[in-house]
């Protein structure tokens, strides 16, 4: 985002955003909110002179002209009234959006850009092009392993080529770290362990790559194994970083259990050495070292029962030694260690989720303070919310903003409280689709299906459709009565004549319609299964002549 204004100096805020002159957001889509929204307060429109910003952005102090030690505010009388009117609100919107981004990204607030000089670097670092460049550079560094010695023959590169590529990639990463340093400052960098590790790794690898380029010969380089650090530090592998961090945080209790297991293995190794070392045929306990190795392998049951057989050949009671070891160490301590690992990891995950939630709430509180006025210090109006969304979610249209505000405003007061504002992260993640209540269910189907269903819908809604259906039912009944009066040689032939007649098509249509009704409405019309009901009721075969007789009844029920 870039914003240019000739009124302010080069260090001013306004050169970093071009959203200042955007058209005010229309509220025609929210008639229920119009009577509750006052014209003042931001959003890019006219401001109510009675609305005073509750908390000014930290960028605002740097948007003044300085004359010695005196700070002179921009005022309407100086010919810059329009800028001074809503520029503070735009600064508040932008900084509030930055607070929300820090809450979503779990960035510490001590790295918050507190002056306009850090804002360009912050915007560059939090940019999709920056994320893509960082990922591409890290992948290039990893792919150099294919061309360096020992290399894959098909991808082998000269020393000058792969060292030059490595230096260029490291230089790009160095520029990215410089932008980050410009944003958060040296104090935060020194406190951030991951950034310090990345800086030290970058410096060592840069020096080593430069030496390789000067010597024109590659040597054994341990730092090549540190290249995955750069790709793990990218934005797209944030979940991997979180998982690795949780593993390291769960190591202390795991080490405690490992020490306990090592203690029992050592005790049993010493006991086994003193008990079984006198047996010359038992090589598993010949020395104390062999005894420890044997018990350690027995922990995995890889040498069981071979390690026990020489001692068991002397006395069957010697098996108690090995059985007790397996019961205590393998079945109790090992399973206990698994339980400790699971509980520790789950606890860390739960605490991390709680911290993320509290961090988002803290970010929302910071943003909320920048969106309130002195007249309403506990409420955020729609104008301020719309201005916030123009920076935090610029892809959201006016209708989406109105719907998000209506979703958050559960009290229907026309303004957001702090508790309602806490759900802003959930509201931004939502997608909205129009619902067409006056259009039937087939609106979202394929276009060809829509056309057929539309024609059928028009035919069914035709005023004379019911009359035609009744006429067909009557004709069907008359036709069956006529055929019933005709003589047939056998009863089966008579029933076949009824069922295989030309009007059976209408009967089939009359049966398909209730089935469709059953599928879409979940109800069964009365009379559709009269024959089956009678068959179950009397538990007997039905006369063939009764089946066609029931056809008009079933059709009439439809």
Protein backbone atom coordinates (compact mmCIF):
# COMPACT_ATOMS: atom_id res chain seq x y z
CA UNK A 1 0.00 0.00 0.00
CA UNK A 2 1.28 3.43 -0.92
CA UNK A 3 -0.10 6.81 -0.03
CA UNK A 4 1.36 10.05 -1.30
CA UNK A 5 0.57 13.53 0.01
CA UNK A 6 2.55 16.71 -0.66
CA UNK A 7 1.48 18.28 2.62
CA UNK A 8 3.51 16.01 4.90
CA UNK A 9 7.21 15.33 5.10
CA UNK A 10 8.89 12.19 3.81
CA UNK A 11 8.74 10.55 7.22
CA UNK A 12 4.99 11.05 7.54
CA UNK A 13 2.45 8.30 7.68
CA UNK A 14 0.45 9.31 4.66
CA UNK A 15 2.95 8.05 2.10
CA UNK A 16 2.21 4.45 3.00
CA UNK A 17 -1.48 4.07 2.08
CA UNK A 18 -3.56 5.04 -0.92
CA UNK A 19 -6.83 4.06 0.75
CA UNK A 20 -7.24 7.58 2.15
CA UNK A 21 -9.37 8.85 -0.71
CA UNK A 22 -11.57 5.80 -1.14
CA UNK A 23 -15.26 6.30 -1.72
CA UNK A 24 -17.39 6.06 1.45
CA UNK A 25 -19.01 2.69 2.01
CA UNK A 26 -22.66 2.60 1.01
CA UNK A 27 -25.15 1.23 3.50
CA UNK A 28 -28.11 0.64 1.21
CA UNK A 29 -27.77 -3.07 1.92
CA UNK A 30 -28.29 -2.52 5.65
CA UNK A 31 -31.51 -0.55 6.14
CA UNK A 32 -31.85 -1.83 9.69
CA UNK A 33 -28.56 -0.21 10.63
CA UNK A 34 -28.99 3.15 8.93
CA UNK A 35 -31.08 4.68 11.68
CA UNK A 36 -28.47 3.71 14.27
CA UNK A 37 -25.32 4.90 12.47
CA UNK A 38 -24.23 8.47 12.93
CA UNK A 39 -22.41 10.26 10.13
CA UNK A 40 -19.25 10.88 12.11
CA UNK A 41 -16.39 8.66 12.93
CA UNK A 42 -14.54 7.62 9.83
CA UNK A 43 -14.94 5.11 7.14
CA UNK A 44 -13.75 7.62 4.61
CA UNK A 45 -16.84 9.85 4.82
CA UNK A 46 -17.71 13.12 6.51
CA UNK A 47 -16.94 13.24 10.19
CA UNK A 48 -19.10 14.52 12.97
CA UNK A 49 -17.33 17.39 14.66
CA UNK A 50 -18.63 16.16 18.01
CA UNK A 51 -16.91 12.77 17.65
CA UNK A 52 -13.43 12.91 19.17
CA UNK A 53 -10.97 10.06 18.75
CA UNK A 54 -10.67 8.18 22.00
CA UNK A 55 -7.08 6.99 21.46
CA UNK A 56 -4.80 8.32 18.74
CA UNK A 57 -2.52 6.06 16.76
CA UNK A 58 1.17 6.04 17.56
CA UNK A 59 1.72 7.04 13.92
CA UNK A 60 -0.09 10.32 14.51
CA UNK A 61 2.73 11.84 16.57
CA UNK A 62 5.01 11.50 13.56
CA UNK A 63 2.50 13.03 11.14
CA UNK A 64 3.05 16.56 12.49
CA UNK A 65 5.48 19.18 11.32
CA UNK A 66 8.15 19.82 13.93
CA UNK A 67 9.48 23.30 14.52
CA UNK A 68 12.38 23.03 16.94
CA UNK A 69 10.95 21.54 20.11
CA UNK A 70 7.37 22.61 19.38
CA UNK A 71 4.94 20.31 17.65
CA UNK A 72 2.50 22.09 15.35
CA UNK A 73 -0.64 20.17 14.41
CA UNK A 74 -2.07 20.32 10.93
CA UNK A 75 -5.25 22.35 11.14
CA UNK A 76 -7.98 23.36 8.71
CA UNK A 77 -6.77 26.95 8.80
CA UNK A 78 -3.43 25.91 7.37
CA UNK A 79 -5.04 24.77 4.15
CA UNK A 80 -4.87 21.11 5.11
CA UNK A 81 -8.22 20.77 6.83
CA UNK A 82 -9.41 17.81 4.80
CA UNK A 83 -6.27 15.84 5.61
CA UNK A 84 -6.39 16.76 9.30
CA UNK A 85 -10.08 15.87 9.45
CA UNK A 86 -9.91 12.16 8.75
CA UNK A 87 -6.19 11.36 8.55
CA UNK A 88 -6.05 10.47 12.29
CA UNK A 89 -8.91 8.03 11.78
CA UNK A 90 -7.11 6.43 8.82
CA UNK A 91 -4.01 6.04 10.99
CA UNK A 92 -6.12 4.42 13.70
CA UNK A 93 -7.72 2.06 11.19
CA UNK A 94 -4.35 1.02 9.83
CA UNK A 95 -2.75 0.47 13.23
CA UNK A 96 -5.84 -1.39 14.49
CA UNK A 97 -5.58 -3.68 11.45
CA UNK A 98 -1.91 -4.26 12.26
CA UNK A 99 -2.86 -5.23 15.81
CA UNK A 100 -5.37 -7.75 14.48
CA UNK A 101 -2.76 -9.18 12.11
CA UNK A 102 -0.32 -9.54 15.00
CA UNK A 103 -2.99 -11.38 16.94
CA UNK A 104 -3.72 -13.73 14.05
CA UNK A 105 -0.01 -14.36 13.33
CA UNK A 106 0.88 -14.69 17.03
CA UNK A 107 3.43 -11.89 16.72
CA UNK A 108 4.60 -10.31 19.95
CA UNK A 109 3.42 -6.78 20.58
CA UNK A 110 6.92 -5.59 21.41
CA UNK A 111 7.65 -5.87 17.67
CA UNK A 112 4.68 -3.66 16.81
CA UNK A 113 5.70 -0.85 14.41
CA UNK A 114 5.48 2.20 16.61
CA UNK A 115 6.60 4.84 14.11
CA UNK A 116 6.12 5.48 10.39
CA UNK A 117 9.75 4.58 9.64
CA UNK A 118 9.03 0.96 10.54
CA UNK A 119 5.76 0.82 8.63
CA UNK A 120 7.16 0.35 5.07
CA UNK A 121 9.33 -2.54 6.25
CA UNK A 122 6.36 -4.06 8.07
CA UNK A 123 4.19 -3.84 4.96
CA UNK A 124 6.91 -5.39 2.81
CA UNK A 125 7.54 -8.23 5.24
CA UNK A 126 3.80 -8.96 5.49
CA UNK A 127 3.28 -9.18 1.75
CA UNK A 128 2.41 -12.17 -0.43
CA UNK A 129 5.29 -11.38 -2.80
CA UNK A 130 7.67 -11.38 0.15
CA UNK A 131 6.33 -14.72 1.37
CA UNK A 132 6.71 -16.23 -2.10
CA UNK A 133 10.25 -14.87 -2.52
CA UNK A 134 11.26 -16.21 0.88
CA UNK A 135 9.91 -19.67 0.06
CA UNK A 136 11.50 -19.73 -3.42
CA UNK A 137 14.90 -18.69 -2.05
CA UNK A 138 14.78 -21.37 0.64
CA UNK A 139 13.86 -24.02 -1.94
CA UNK A 140 16.75 -22.94 -4.16
CA UNK A 141 19.16 -23.35 -1.26
CA UNK A 142 17.86 -26.85 -0.59
CA UNK A 143 17.99 -27.84 -4.27
CA UNK A 144 21.68 -26.88 -4.46
CA UNK A 145 22.42 -30.20 -2.75
CA UNK A 146 21.72 -31.87 -6.12
CA UNK A 147 24.51 -29.95 -7.86
CA UNK A 148 27.16 -29.77 -5.14
CA UNK A 149 29.76 -32.42 -4.40
CA UNK A 150 28.83 -35.19 -3.85
CA UNK A 151 26.19 -34.43 -6.44
CA UNK A 152 23.73 -36.25 -8.61
CA UNK A 153 25.49 -36.77 -11.91
CA UNK A 154 22.63 -35.40 -13.99
CA UNK A 155 22.50 -32.16 -11.95
CA UNK A 156 26.19 -31.61 -11.25
CA UNK A 157 27.20 -27.93 -11.39
CA UNK A 158 30.62 -26.27 -11.47
CA UNK A 159 31.87 -24.86 -8.19
CA UNK A 160 31.64 -21.28 -9.44
CA UNK A 161 28.01 -21.73 -10.50
CA UNK A 162 26.56 -23.31 -7.37
CA UNK A 163 28.58 -21.06 -5.04
CA UNK A 164 27.38 -17.97 -6.92
CA UNK A 165 23.78 -19.15 -6.75
CA UNK A 166 24.18 -19.81 -3.04
CA UNK A 167 25.64 -16.34 -2.43
CA UNK A 168 22.76 -14.70 -4.32
CA UNK A 169 20.18 -16.70 -2.37
CA UNK A 170 21.87 -15.86 0.93
CA UNK A 171 22.02 -12.21 -0.13
CA UNK A 172 18.25 -12.20 -0.73
CA UNK A 173 17.66 -13.73 2.70
CA UNK A 174 19.99 -11.10 4.17
CA UNK A 175 17.91 -8.33 2.59
CA UNK A 176 14.78 -9.90 4.05
CA UNK A 177 16.37 -9.97 7.50
CA UNK A 178 17.38 -6.34 7.06
CA UNK A 179 13.76 -5.40 6.40
CA UNK A 180 12.74 -7.34 9.48
CA UNK A 181 15.43 -5.59 11.49
CA UNK A 182 14.17 -2.25 10.22
CA UNK A 183 10.71 -3.22 11.36
CA UNK A 184 11.29 -4.67 14.85
CA UNK A 185 14.67 -3.14 15.78
CA UNK A 186 17.79 -4.63 17.35
CA UNK A 187 16.24 -5.03 20.78
CA UNK A 188 13.51 -7.37 19.59
CA UNK A 189 15.88 -9.25 17.27
CA UNK A 190 18.24 -10.05 20.13
CA UNK A 191 15.31 -11.38 22.18
CA UNK A 192 13.93 -13.48 19.33
CA UNK A 193 15.81 -16.78 19.41
CA UNK A 194 14.67 -18.04 16.02
CA UNK A 195 15.71 -14.84 14.27
CA UNK A 196 19.08 -14.83 16.03
CA UNK A 197 19.69 -18.44 15.00
CA UNK A 198 18.79 -17.56 11.43
CA UNK A 199 21.13 -14.55 11.44
CA UNK A 200 24.08 -16.55 12.81
CA UNK A 201 23.48 -19.38 10.34
CA UNK A 202 23.25 -16.90 7.49
CA UNK A 203 26.52 -15.21 8.47
CA UNK A 204 28.45 -18.49 8.75
CA UNK A 205 27.05 -19.86 5.49
CA UNK A 206 27.76 -16.62 3.64
CA UNK A 207 31.41 -16.63 4.75
CA UNK A 208 31.80 -20.30 3.88
CA UNK A 209 30.19 -19.90 0.44
CA UNK A 210 32.44 -16.91 -0.28
CA UNK A 211 35.51 -19.00 0.64
CA UNK A 212 34.35 -21.77 -1.72
CA UNK A 213 33.93 -19.24 -4.52
CA UNK A 214 37.40 -17.78 -3.96
CA UNK A 215 39.16 -21.15 -3.71
CA UNK A 216 37.12 -22.67 -6.57
CA UNK A 217 37.01 -25.95 -4.68
CA UNK A 218 34.41 -27.44 -2.38
CA UNK A 219 35.22 -28.91 1.01
CA UNK A 220 33.35 -30.77 3.73
CA UNK A 221 30.68 -28.30 4.90
CA UNK A 222 28.66 -29.02 8.01
CA UNK A 223 26.60 -25.86 7.54
CA UNK A 224 24.85 -27.38 4.53
CA UNK A 225 22.80 -29.41 6.99
CA UNK A 226 21.47 -26.13 8.45
CA UNK A 227 19.77 -25.04 5.23
CA UNK A 228 16.35 -26.42 6.28
CA UNK A 229 16.31 -23.68 8.94
CA UNK A 230 15.49 -21.13 6.23
CA UNK A 231 12.54 -23.03 4.79
CA UNK A 232 11.17 -23.84 8.24
CA UNK A 233 11.24 -20.11 9.02
CA UNK A 234 8.93 -19.27 6.10
CA UNK A 235 5.32 -18.32 6.62
CA UNK A 236 3.96 -21.39 4.87
CA UNK A 237 5.60 -23.75 7.39
CA UNK A 238 4.23 -22.06 10.48
CA UNK A 239 2.51 -25.28 11.54
CA UNK A 240 5.82 -27.17 11.28
CA UNK A 241 7.54 -24.55 13.47
CA UNK A 242 4.77 -24.85 16.02
CA UNK A 243 5.04 -28.64 16.05
CA UNK A 244 8.84 -28.55 16.44
CA UNK A 245 8.52 -25.98 19.23
CA UNK A 246 6.08 -28.20 21.09
CA UNK A 247 8.42 -31.18 20.73
CA UNK A 248 11.28 -29.22 22.28
CA UNK A 249 9.01 -27.97 25.05
CA UNK A 250 7.92 -31.52 25.87
CA UNK A 251 11.49 -32.87 26.10
CA UNK A 252 12.18 -32.15 29.85
CA UNK A 253 9.60 -34.63 31.24
CA UNK A 254 10.62 -37.13 28.57
CA UNK A 255 14.24 -36.84 29.69
CA UNK A 256 13.12 -37.50 33.27
CA UNK A 257 11.48 -40.75 32.21
CA UNK A 258 14.51 -41.73 30.13
CA UNK A 259 16.76 -41.19 33.14
CA UNK A 260 14.46 -43.37 35.23
CA UNK A 261 14.57 -46.13 32.60
CA UNK A 262 18.36 -45.80 32.34
CA UNK A 263 18.59 -46.13 36.12
CA UNK A 264 16.67 -49.43 36.17
CA UNK A 265 18.62 -50.78 33.18
CA UNK A 266 21.88 -49.95 34.98
CA UNK A 267 20.69 -51.64 38.20
CA UNK A 268 19.71 -54.82 36.36
CA UNK A 269 22.94 -54.75 34.32
CA UNK A 270 25.02 -54.67 37.51
CA UNK A 271 22.93 -57.42 39.13
CA UNK A 272 23.15 -59.56 36.01
CA UNK A 273 26.92 -59.13 35.84
CA UNK A 274 27.38 -60.28 39.45
CA UNK A 275 24.90 -63.16 39.16
CA UNK A 276 25.68 -64.63 35.73
CA UNK A 277 29.29 -63.63 34.98
CA UNK A 278 30.55 -66.80 36.69
CA UNK A 279 28.98 -68.91 33.96
CA UNK A 280 31.62 -69.31 31.21
CA UNK A 281 28.96 -70.29 28.67
CA UNK A 282 27.02 -67.05 29.20
CA UNK A 283 28.72 -64.43 27.01
CA UNK A 284 25.91 -61.91 27.51
CA UNK A 285 27.16 -61.05 31.01
CA UNK A 286 30.93 -61.65 30.63
CA UNK A 287 31.74 -57.99 31.35
CA UNK A 288 29.83 -55.09 32.85
CA UNK A 289 29.65 -53.42 29.46
CA UNK A 290 28.29 -56.59 27.82
CA UNK A 291 25.77 -56.87 30.63
CA UNK A 292 24.54 -53.32 30.09
CA UNK A 293 24.27 -53.83 26.32
CA UNK A 294 22.40 -57.11 26.80
CA UNK A 295 19.87 -55.54 29.17
CA UNK A 296 19.44 -52.54 26.91
CA UNK A 297 18.75 -54.80 23.93
CA UNK A 298 16.43 -56.88 26.10
CA UNK A 299 14.46 -53.68 26.66
CA UNK A 300 13.47 -53.92 23.00
CA UNK A 301 12.93 -57.72 23.31
CA UNK A 302 15.21 -58.16 20.28
CA UNK A 303 17.43 -60.77 22.04
CA UNK A 304 14.69 -62.42 24.06
CA UNK A 305 14.77 -65.31 24.98
CA UNK A 306 18.33 -65.92 23.74
CA UNK A 307 19.83 -63.77 26.50
CA UNK A 308 17.93 -65.77 29.11
CA UNK A 309 18.61 -69.33 27.93
CA UNK A 310 22.20 -69.76 29.28
CA UNK A 311 21.09 -68.65 32.75
CA UNK A 312 17.86 -70.64 32.50
CA UNK A 313 19.86 -73.80 31.70
CA UNK A 314 21.52 -73.55 35.13
CA UNK A 315 18.33 -72.88 37.11
CA UNK A 316 14.78 -72.22 36.12
CA UNK A 317 14.53 -69.62 38.89
CA UNK A 318 16.93 -67.39 36.95
CA UNK A 319 14.05 -66.60 34.62
CA UNK A 320 12.51 -64.47 37.38
CA UNK A 321 15.34 -61.98 36.89
CA UNK A 322 14.47 -61.42 33.25
CA UNK A 323 10.72 -61.57 33.76
CA UNK A 324 10.88 -58.91 36.50
CA UNK A 325 13.04 -56.73 34.25
CA UNK A 326 10.56 -56.94 31.38
CA UNK A 327 7.59 -56.30 33.67
CA UNK A 328 9.11 -53.25 35.35
CA UNK A 329 11.02 -51.62 32.52
CA UNK A 330 9.18 -52.69 29.38
CA UNK A 331 5.55 -52.93 30.45
CA UNK A 332 5.45 -50.32 33.21
CA UNK A 333 8.11 -47.68 32.59
CA UNK A 334 7.88 -47.67 28.79
CA UNK A 335 4.10 -47.35 28.84
CA UNK A 336 4.41 -44.75 31.55
CA UNK A 337 6.79 -42.80 29.33
CA UNK A 338 4.27 -42.94 26.48
CA UNK A 339 1.61 -41.62 28.85
CA UNK A 340 3.93 -38.83 29.98
CA UNK A 341 4.71 -37.89 26.37
CA UNK A 342 1.03 -37.81 25.46
CA UNK A 343 0.00 -35.84 28.53
CA UNK A 344 2.86 -33.37 28.14
CA UNK A 345 2.18 -32.80 24.47
CA UNK A 346 -1.56 -32.45 25.08
CA UNK A 347 -0.99 -30.00 27.93
CA UNK A 348 1.36 -27.91 25.82
CA UNK A 349 -1.16 -27.92 22.97
CA UNK A 350 -3.94 -26.86 25.33
CA UNK A 351 -1.84 -24.10 26.87
CA UNK A 352 -0.74 -22.96 23.43
CA UNK A 353 -4.34 -22.73 22.28
CA UNK A 354 -5.20 -20.76 25.41
CA UNK A 355 -2.29 -18.40 24.83
CA UNK A 356 -3.27 -17.92 21.19
CA UNK A 357 -6.83 -17.11 22.23
CA UNK A 358 -5.67 -14.66 24.90
CA UNK A 359 -3.20 -13.13 22.44
CA UNK A 360 -5.98 -12.58 19.92
CA UNK A 361 -8.14 -11.05 22.62
CA UNK A 362 -5.33 -8.73 23.64
CA UNK A 363 -4.87 -7.70 20.01
CA UNK A 364 -8.61 -7.09 19.73
CA UNK A 365 -8.48 -4.91 22.85
CA UNK A 366 -5.67 -2.80 21.35
CA UNK A 367 -7.61 -2.45 18.11
CA UNK A 368 -10.83 -1.65 19.97
CA UNK A 369 -9.23 1.28 21.78
CA UNK A 370 -8.22 2.82 18.46
CA UNK A 371 -11.76 2.60 17.07
CA UNK A 372 -13.70 4.24 19.90
CA UNK A 373 -14.53 7.88 20.53
CA UNK A 374 -14.54 9.92 23.70
CA UNK A 375 -18.32 10.11 23.49
CA UNK A 376 -18.66 6.30 23.23
CA UNK A 377 -15.54 4.74 24.77
CA UNK A 378 -17.14 1.29 25.04
CA UNK A 379 -18.66 1.01 21.58
CA UNK A 380 -17.45 0.81 17.98
CA UNK A 381 -19.72 2.24 15.32
CA UNK A 382 -20.16 0.83 11.87
CA UNK A 383 -18.03 3.55 10.26
CA UNK A 384 -15.01 2.61 12.37
CA UNK A 385 -15.60 -1.09 11.75
CA UNK A 386 -15.83 -0.50 8.00
CA UNK A 387 -12.63 1.54 8.07
CA UNK A 388 -10.89 -1.25 9.96
CA UNK A 389 -12.00 -3.85 7.40
CA UNK A 390 -10.62 -1.75 4.53
CA UNK A 391 -7.14 -2.38 5.93
CA UNK A 392 -7.50 -5.75 7.64
CA UNK A 393 -9.67 -7.47 5.01
CA UNK A 394 -9.46 -5.38 1.82
CA UNK A 395 -10.93 -8.23 -0.24
CA UNK A 396 -14.25 -7.91 1.59
CA UNK A 397 -16.89 -5.89 -0.22
CA UNK A 398 -19.40 -3.49 1.35
CA UNK A 399 -22.04 -6.21 1.59
CA UNK A 400 -19.62 -8.55 3.36
CA UNK A 401 -18.70 -5.81 5.83
CA UNK A 402 -22.36 -5.13 6.58
CA UNK A 403 -23.05 -8.84 7.09
CA UNK A 404 -20.01 -9.23 9.35
CA UNK A 405 -21.11 -6.26 11.42
CA UNK A 406 -24.63 -7.69 11.69
CA UNK A 407 -23.18 -11.08 12.69
CA UNK A 408 -21.03 -9.52 15.42
CA UNK A 409 -23.72 -7.18 16.67
CA UNK A 410 -25.73 -9.80 18.57
CA UNK A 411 -27.26 -7.14 20.81
CA UNK A 412 -28.70 -5.35 17.74
CA UNK A 413 -27.67 -2.03 19.25
CA UNK A 414 -26.02 -0.71 16.08
CA UNK A 415 -22.56 -0.63 17.69
CA UNK A 416 -20.10 -3.28 18.80
CA UNK A 417 -19.05 -3.87 22.38
CA UNK A 418 -15.75 -5.40 23.44
CA UNK A 419 -17.27 -8.86 23.92
CA UNK A 420 -18.82 -8.71 20.46
CA UNK A 421 -15.57 -7.51 18.92
CA UNK A 422 -13.75 -10.59 20.22
CA UNK A 423 -15.37 -12.65 17.45
CA UNK A 424 -13.97 -10.53 14.64
CA UNK A 425 -11.51 -13.28 13.63
CA UNK A 426 -14.37 -15.74 13.16
CA UNK A 427 -16.39 -13.19 11.22
CA UNK A 428 -13.56 -12.51 8.77
CA UNK A 429 -13.20 -16.22 8.03
CA UNK A 430 -16.85 -16.54 7.05
CA UNK A 431 -18.10 -16.50 3.49
CA UNK A 432 -21.52 -15.25 2.54
CA UNK A 433 -23.77 -16.52 -0.24
CA UNK A 434 -27.17 -15.14 -1.21
CA UNK A 435 -30.16 -17.33 -0.43
CA UNK A 436 -33.03 -17.26 -2.93
CA UNK A 437 -36.15 -18.06 -0.96
CA UNK A 438 -38.44 -17.34 -3.93
CA UNK A 439 -36.58 -19.74 -6.24
CA UNK A 440 -37.06 -23.53 -5.93
CA UNK A 441 -34.44 -26.00 -4.81
CA UNK A 442 -33.02 -26.59 -8.31
CA UNK A 443 -31.55 -23.09 -8.53
CA UNK A 444 -28.00 -24.34 -7.79
CA UNK A 445 -28.12 -27.32 -10.17
CA UNK A 446 -26.71 -27.56 -13.69
CA UNK A 447 -28.07 -25.11 -16.25
CA UNK A 448 -29.69 -27.83 -18.38
CA UNK A 449 -31.39 -29.32 -15.32
CA UNK A 450 -32.55 -25.84 -14.32
CA UNK A 451 -34.16 -25.39 -17.73
CA UNK A 452 -36.05 -28.69 -17.56
CA UNK A 453 -37.13 -28.12 -13.96
CA UNK A 454 -38.23 -24.58 -14.75
CA UNK A 455 -40.45 -25.79 -17.60
CA UNK A 456 -41.91 -28.50 -15.38
CA UNK A 457 -42.47 -25.96 -12.63
CA UNK A 458 -44.34 -23.70 -15.05
CA UNK A 459 -46.42 -26.60 -16.32
CA UNK A 460 -47.38 -27.73 -12.83
CA UNK A 461 -48.32 -24.19 -11.82
CA UNK A 462 -50.53 -23.84 -14.91
CA UNK A 463 -54.12 -23.25 -13.70
CA UNK A 464 -55.52 -26.09 -15.86
CA UNK A 465 -52.91 -28.65 -14.82
CA UNK A 466 -55.09 -30.13 -12.06
CA UNK A 467 -58.06 -30.40 -14.40
CA UNK A 468 -55.97 -32.33 -16.90
CA UNK A 469 -54.77 -34.70 -14.18
CA UNK A 470 -58.32 -35.35 -12.99
CA UNK A 471 -59.46 -35.91 -16.58
CA UNK A 472 -56.70 -38.46 -17.14
CA UNK A 473 -57.64 -40.30 -13.95
CA UNK A 474 -61.26 -40.43 -15.03
CA UNK A 475 -60.30 -41.66 -18.49
CA UNK A 476 -58.10 -44.29 -16.92
CA UNK A 477 -60.98 -45.48 -14.77
CA UNK A 478 -63.40 -45.59 -17.72
CA UNK A 479 -60.88 -47.55 -19.79
CA UNK A 480 -60.43 -50.12 -17.05
CA UNK A 481 -64.18 -50.48 -16.59
CA UNK A 482 -64.52 -51.04 -20.32
CA UNK A 483 -61.81 -53.71 -20.34
CA UNK A 484 -63.30 -55.35 -17.26
CA UNK A 485 -66.50 -55.99 -19.17
CA UNK A 486 -64.64 -57.75 -21.99
CA UNK A 487 -64.53 -61.59 -21.89
CA UNK A 488 -61.13 -63.29 -21.45
CA UNK A 489 -60.30 -67.02 -21.55
CA UNK A 490 -58.39 -67.06 -18.26
CA UNK A 491 -58.06 -64.87 -15.20
CA UNK A 492 -54.30 -64.37 -15.74
CA UNK A 493 -54.86 -63.08 -19.26
CA UNK A 494 -57.49 -60.70 -17.96
CA UNK A 495 -55.08 -59.29 -15.35
CA UNK A 496 -52.33 -59.00 -17.96
CA UNK A 497 -54.67 -57.04 -20.20
CA UNK A 498 -55.36 -54.61 -17.39
CA UNK A 499 -51.68 -54.10 -16.49
CA UNK A 500 -50.22 -53.99 -20.02
CA UNK A 501 -52.70 -51.55 -21.49
CA UNK A 502 -51.72 -48.19 -22.98
CA UNK A 503 -52.97 -46.20 -19.99
CA UNK A 504 -50.43 -47.96 -17.75
CA UNK A 505 -48.08 -45.09 -18.66
CA UNK A 506 -50.27 -42.69 -16.72
CA UNK A 507 -50.32 -45.14 -13.85
CA UNK A 508 -46.50 -45.25 -13.85
CA UNK A 509 -46.32 -41.47 -13.87
CA UNK A 510 -48.77 -41.39 -10.99
CA UNK A 511 -46.51 -43.73 -9.04
CA UNK A 512 -43.27 -41.86 -9.79
CA UNK A 513 -44.71 -38.56 -8.58
CA UNK A 514 -45.36 -39.84 -5.01
CA UNK A 515 -41.89 -41.36 -4.92
CA UNK A 516 -40.41 -37.97 -5.78
CA UNK A 517 -42.61 -36.44 -3.13
CA UNK A 518 -41.29 -39.02 -0.66
CA UNK A 519 -37.71 -38.14 -1.59
CA UNK A 520 -38.04 -34.37 -1.27
CA UNK A 521 -40.64 -34.09 1.50
CA UNK A 522 -40.29 -37.37 3.37
CA UNK A 523 -44.02 -38.17 3.28
CA UNK A 524 -45.91 -41.11 1.71
CA UNK A 525 -49.31 -40.33 0.15
CA UNK A 526 -52.18 -42.48 1.33
CA UNK A 527 -53.21 -45.22 -1.08
CA UNK A 528 -49.86 -45.65 -2.82
CA UNK A 529 -49.28 -49.06 -1.24
CA UNK A 530 -52.86 -50.26 -0.77
CA UNK A 531 -52.14 -53.67 -2.28
CA UNK A 532 -49.14 -54.26 -0.02
CA UNK A 533 -51.09 -53.18 3.04
CA UNK A 534 -53.93 -55.58 2.22
CA UNK A 535 -51.48 -58.38 1.63
CA UNK A 536 -49.90 -57.87 5.03
CA UNK A 537 -53.29 -57.48 6.71
CA UNK A 538 -54.81 -60.73 5.45
CA UNK A 539 -51.53 -62.64 4.94
CA UNK A 540 -52.82 -64.12 1.70
CA UNK A 541 -52.41 -63.80 -2.02
CA UNK A 542 -54.50 -61.09 -3.63
CA UNK A 543 -56.73 -61.85 -6.54
CA UNK A 544 -55.25 -60.58 -9.78
CA UNK A 545 -58.47 -58.76 -10.55
CA UNK A 546 -58.09 -56.63 -7.38
CA UNK A 547 -54.82 -55.10 -8.55
CA UNK A 548 -56.14 -53.14 -11.54
CA UNK A 549 -59.29 -52.27 -9.61
CA UNK A 550 -57.14 -50.45 -7.05
CA UNK A 551 -55.40 -48.38 -9.74
CA UNK A 552 -57.99 -45.58 -9.80
CA UNK A 553 -57.95 -45.44 -6.01
CA UNK A 554 -54.18 -45.04 -6.01
CA UNK A 555 -54.29 -42.44 -8.76
CA UNK A 556 -56.99 -40.52 -6.97
CA UNK A 557 -54.86 -40.50 -3.84
CA UNK A 558 -52.05 -38.91 -5.81
